[in-house]
Amino acid sequence: QVQLLESGGGLVQAGGSLRLSCAASGRTFTVAAMAWFRQAPGKEREFVSHINWSDSATGYADSVKDRFTISKDNAKNTVYLQMNSLKPGDTAVYYCAARRVFGTYEFWGQGTQVTVSS
């Protein structure tokens, strides 16, 4: 299987920046894509961004487009989420996820808390 470990969360002021990391281990050769999701208290889980492992194609939710950037380091089996111009509405637990080819996001990390103060 695949294990995912997020890091980089914390408390920042509005307008600040954070970079989240997600390190994958285990059977990482089977991973086709990785993604970031987030969930705020009382809210549904929300898609944030994804990146394909093979061609580095990316996608973003409209709410974070132009502010967040997803990237990866193939050698380290690690995905990053650079978050700039953070808003209080970005406050949530951020989860890293991975999927197989033609699969669903079945592998999940423990989550890392991001809190943006106003």
Protein backbone atom coordinates (compact mmCIF):
# COMPACT_ATOMS: atom_id res chain seq x y z
CA GLN A 1 0.00 0.00 0.00
CA VAL A 2 0.90 3.68 0.05
CA GLN A 3 1.49 5.78 3.15
CA LEU A 4 1.22 9.58 3.09
CA LEU A 5 2.57 12.05 5.61
CA GLU A 6 1.70 15.75 5.50
CA SER A 7 3.69 18.53 7.12
CA GLY A 8 4.06 22.29 7.00
CA GLY A 9 0.79 23.47 8.50
CA GLY A 10 0.61 26.20 11.08
CA LEU A 11 -0.82 29.55 12.10
CA VAL A 12 -0.33 32.54 9.82
CA GLN A 13 -1.81 35.99 9.40
CA ALA A 14 -4.02 36.87 6.46
CA GLY A 15 -1.88 37.63 3.45
CA GLY A 16 0.87 35.29 4.57
CA SER A 17 2.21 32.12 3.01
CA LEU A 18 2.74 28.47 3.89
CA ARG A 19 4.14 25.50 2.01
CA LEU A 20 2.68 22.08 2.72
CA SER A 21 4.56 18.87 1.97
CA CYS A 22 3.26 15.35 1.42
CA ALA A 23 5.77 12.51 1.42
CA ALA A 24 4.66 9.18 -0.05
CA SER A 25 6.15 5.83 0.89
CA GLY A 26 5.40 2.16 0.30
CA ARG A 27 4.27 1.05 -3.16
CA THR A 28 4.73 4.51 -4.63
CA PHE A 29 5.39 3.19 -8.14
CA THR A 30 1.66 2.51 -8.43
CA VAL A 31 0.65 6.14 -7.78
CA ALA A 32 -0.79 7.92 -10.81
CA ALA A 33 -1.85 11.20 -9.21
CA MET A 34 -1.80 13.01 -5.93
CA ALA A 35 -4.05 15.73 -4.62
CA TRP A 36 -4.78 18.08 -1.76
CA PHE A 37 -8.17 18.34 -0.09
CA ARG A 38 -9.26 20.41 2.88
CA GLN A 39 -12.03 20.34 5.43
CA ALA A 40 -13.11 23.12 7.77
CA PRO A 41 -15.19 22.44 10.90
CA GLY A 42 -18.82 21.91 9.97
CA LYS A 43 -18.04 21.91 6.25
CA GLU A 44 -17.78 19.21 3.61
CA ARG A 45 -14.43 18.04 2.34
CA GLU A 46 -13.29 20.27 -0.51
CA PHE A 47 -10.96 19.56 -3.40
CA VAL A 48 -8.03 21.96 -3.55
CA SER A 49 -5.56 20.79 -6.21
CA HIS A 50 -4.17 17.73 -7.98
CA ILE A 51 -1.08 16.80 -9.96
CA ASN A 52 -0.47 13.85 -12.30
CA TRP A 53 2.69 11.92 -11.58
CA SER A 54 3.56 11.15 -15.20
CA ASP A 55 3.12 14.47 -16.99
CA SER A 56 2.82 16.94 -14.08
CA ALA A 57 -0.55 18.18 -15.33
CA THR A 58 -2.26 20.18 -12.60
CA GLY A 59 -5.68 21.39 -11.61
CA TYR A 60 -7.06 23.78 -9.00
CA ALA A 61 -10.30 24.66 -7.33
CA ASP A 62 -11.53 28.10 -8.34
CA SER A 63 -11.28 29.26 -4.75
CA VAL A 64 -7.49 28.82 -4.69
CA LYS A 65 -6.56 29.39 -8.32
CA ASP A 66 -3.90 32.11 -8.74
CA ARG A 67 -2.95 31.83 -5.06
CA PHE A 68 -1.90 28.19 -4.59
CA THR A 69 0.63 26.19 -6.60
CA ILE A 70 1.04 22.41 -6.54
CA SER A 71 4.34 20.79 -7.49
CA LYS A 72 6.23 17.53 -7.02
CA ASP A 73 9.70 16.11 -6.57
CA ASN A 74 9.88 12.73 -8.29
CA ALA A 75 13.10 11.66 -6.56
CA LYS A 76 11.63 12.33 -3.13
CA ASN A 77 8.12 11.03 -3.91
CA THR A 78 6.89 14.27 -2.43
CA VAL A 79 4.17 16.74 -3.43
CA TYR A 80 4.05 20.33 -2.29
CA LEU A 81 1.34 22.94 -2.01
CA GLN A 82 2.60 26.51 -1.97
CA MET A 83 -0.12 28.71 -0.49
CA ASN A 84 0.19 32.46 -0.94
CA SER A 85 -2.10 35.36 -0.08
CA LEU A 86 -3.82 33.25 2.53
CA LYS A 87 -7.29 34.22 3.70
CA PRO A 88 -9.21 33.30 6.85
CA GLY A 89 -11.46 31.21 4.60
CA ASP A 90 -8.48 28.96 3.86
CA THR A 91 -8.49 27.77 7.47
CA ALA A 92 -8.97 24.00 7.45
CA VAL A 93 -7.31 20.65 7.93
CA TYR A 94 -5.45 19.92 4.71
CA TYR A 95 -5.21 16.30 3.58
CA CYS A 96 -2.93 14.73 1.01
CA ALA A 97 -4.36 11.92 -1.13
CA ALA A 98 -3.12 9.50 -3.79
CA ARG A 99 -4.75 7.26 -6.38
CA ARG A 100 -3.89 4.50 -8.82
CA VAL A 101 -4.39 4.68 -12.58
CA PHE A 102 -8.14 4.95 -13.24
CA GLY A 103 -8.70 4.77 -9.49
CA THR A 104 -10.21 6.84 -6.74
CA TYR A 105 -8.31 8.67 -4.02
CA GLU A 106 -7.99 5.69 -1.72
CA PHE A 107 -4.82 6.65 0.18
CA TRP A 108 -4.95 9.53 2.64
CA GLY A 109 -2.62 11.25 5.04
CA GLN A 110 -3.43 12.22 8.62
CA GLY A 111 -3.95 15.88 7.80
CA THR A 112 -2.20 19.07 8.81
CA GLN A 113 -3.92 22.09 10.33
CA VAL A 114 -3.74 25.45 8.57
CA THR A 115 -5.12 28.42 10.49
CA VAL A 116 -5.25 31.90 8.99
CA SER A 117 -6.00 34.75 11.37
CA SER A 118 -7.81 37.91 10.30
